[in-house]
Amino acid sequence: ALFVARLPGLSDLRVEGETSLPSMDLARYRRLEALKVGALSTPAALFFGAAIATSNARLRLSDGNAIRNIAALRSSPSPDKAEPNASDADRAALLGALASNQHEIFS
């Protein structure tokens, strides 16, 4: 997903079977300050998260309450990840930024 999201010139992405957000305007999402996971499917959230991984946006998770700062996920030695009861889509949306974190070790 990170590879695809970073392709030069890629501005619109469609994830097969996605009904909540059938067309992703990646260039627009990278510029926005506030975004939300909403009802994205897990595959769509994975690409969405990869596309916004270098942004400085705040991301509202699918519960409608929890918010994560993308820049902090990339740089904090102890990033505020998804709650234990978070949806798979929430976790997928956070992976892009967490994958860029030099302090974070994935097990």
Protein backbone atom coordinates (compact mmCIF):
# COMPACT_ATOMS: atom_id res chain seq x y z
CA ALA A 1 0.00 0.00 0.00
CA LEU A 2 2.84 2.42 0.81
CA PHE A 3 4.44 1.74 -2.56
CA VAL A 4 1.21 2.42 -4.45
CA ALA A 5 0.34 5.51 -2.41
CA ARG A 6 3.77 7.04 -3.14
CA LEU A 7 3.66 6.57 -6.92
CA PRO A 8 4.44 9.91 -8.55
CA GLY A 9 1.43 11.45 -10.20
CA LEU A 10 -1.10 9.16 -8.52
CA SER A 11 -3.96 11.44 -7.59
CA ASP A 12 -7.01 9.16 -7.65
CA LEU A 13 -7.24 5.65 -6.25
CA ARG A 14 -10.10 3.18 -6.42
CA VAL A 15 -10.26 0.10 -4.22
CA GLU A 16 -12.31 -2.71 -5.70
CA GLY A 17 -15.52 -3.31 -3.77
CA GLU A 18 -15.23 -0.14 -1.68
CA THR A 19 -18.65 1.47 -1.24
CA SER A 20 -17.97 4.07 1.47
CA LEU A 21 -15.33 5.91 -0.55
CA PRO A 22 -15.27 4.45 -4.08
CA SER A 23 -12.79 7.04 -5.35
CA MET A 24 -9.99 8.47 -3.19
CA ASP A 25 -8.67 11.91 -4.11
CA LEU A 26 -5.23 11.30 -2.62
CA ALA A 27 -3.79 14.73 -3.41
CA ARG A 28 -6.70 16.39 -1.60
CA TYR A 29 -6.48 14.12 1.45
CA ARG A 30 -2.77 14.85 1.84
CA ARG A 31 -3.59 18.58 2.16
CA LEU A 32 -6.46 18.35 4.65
CA GLU A 33 -5.88 18.99 8.35
CA ALA A 34 -8.65 16.71 9.63
CA LEU A 35 -9.70 13.34 8.22
CA LYS A 36 -11.77 10.38 9.39
CA VAL A 37 -11.78 6.63 8.90
CA GLY A 38 -15.57 6.49 9.03
CA ALA A 39 -16.99 3.38 7.38
CA LEU A 40 -13.99 2.57 5.17
CA SER A 41 -13.33 -1.09 4.52
CA THR A 42 -10.05 -2.46 5.86
CA PRO A 43 -8.39 -2.65 2.39
CA ALA A 44 -9.45 0.93 1.56
CA ALA A 45 -8.26 2.14 4.98
CA LEU A 46 -4.85 0.56 4.35
CA PHE A 47 -4.37 2.57 1.14
CA PHE A 48 -5.95 5.68 2.69
CA GLY A 49 -3.53 5.48 5.62
CA ALA A 50 -0.57 4.96 3.30
CA ALA A 51 -1.59 8.01 1.28
CA ILE A 52 -1.82 10.29 4.33
CA ALA A 53 1.22 8.85 6.14
CA THR A 54 3.35 11.92 5.38
CA SER A 55 0.63 14.45 6.19
CA ASN A 56 0.21 16.43 9.39
CA ALA A 57 -3.49 15.69 9.66
CA ARG A 58 -5.54 14.62 12.64
CA LEU A 59 -7.33 11.35 11.96
CA ARG A 60 -10.66 10.58 13.64
CA LEU A 61 -11.08 6.84 14.07
CA SER A 62 -14.23 4.92 13.19
CA ASP A 63 -15.73 5.20 16.69
CA GLY A 64 -16.21 8.91 15.97
CA ASN A 65 -14.39 9.96 19.16
CA ALA A 66 -10.75 8.86 19.13
CA ILE A 67 -8.36 11.13 17.22
CA ARG A 68 -4.75 10.41 16.28
CA ASN A 69 -2.15 12.90 15.09
CA ILE A 70 -0.43 11.50 11.98
CA ALA A 71 2.82 13.45 12.54
CA ALA A 72 3.07 12.11 16.10
CA LEU A 73 2.50 8.55 14.87
CA ARG A 74 5.50 9.00 12.55
CA SER A 75 7.86 10.54 15.08
CA SER A 76 6.95 9.81 18.70
CA PRO A 77 9.04 7.25 20.62
CA SER A 78 5.73 6.00 22.10
CA PRO A 79 2.98 6.80 19.58
CA ASP A 80 -0.66 6.76 20.65
CA LYS A 81 -1.87 3.79 18.61
CA ALA A 82 -5.39 2.44 18.23
CA GLU A 83 -7.25 1.22 21.30
CA PRO A 84 -7.42 -2.55 21.87
CA ASN A 85 -11.04 -2.58 20.69
CA ALA A 86 -10.33 -0.50 17.55
CA SER A 87 -11.61 -1.76 14.22
CA ASP A 88 -9.34 -3.41 11.67
CA ALA A 89 -9.93 -0.38 9.44
CA ASP A 90 -8.63 1.94 12.19
CA ARG A 91 -5.50 -0.16 12.59
CA ALA A 92 -4.99 -0.29 8.81
CA ALA A 93 -5.35 3.50 8.53
CA LEU A 94 -2.63 4.03 11.15
CA LEU A 95 -0.11 1.58 9.67
CA GLY A 96 1.31 3.94 7.04
CA ALA A 97 2.42 6.53 9.59
CA LEU A 98 3.55 3.91 12.13
CA ALA A 99 5.65 2.19 9.46
CA SER A 100 7.62 5.44 9.07
CA ASN A 101 8.33 5.68 12.81
CA GLN A 102 12.00 4.97 13.51
CA HIS A 103 11.19 4.23 17.18
CA GLU A 104 8.41 1.73 16.56
CA ILE A 105 9.20 -1.99 16.31
CA PHE A 106 6.52 -4.22 14.84
CA SER A 107 6.19 -7.70 16.22
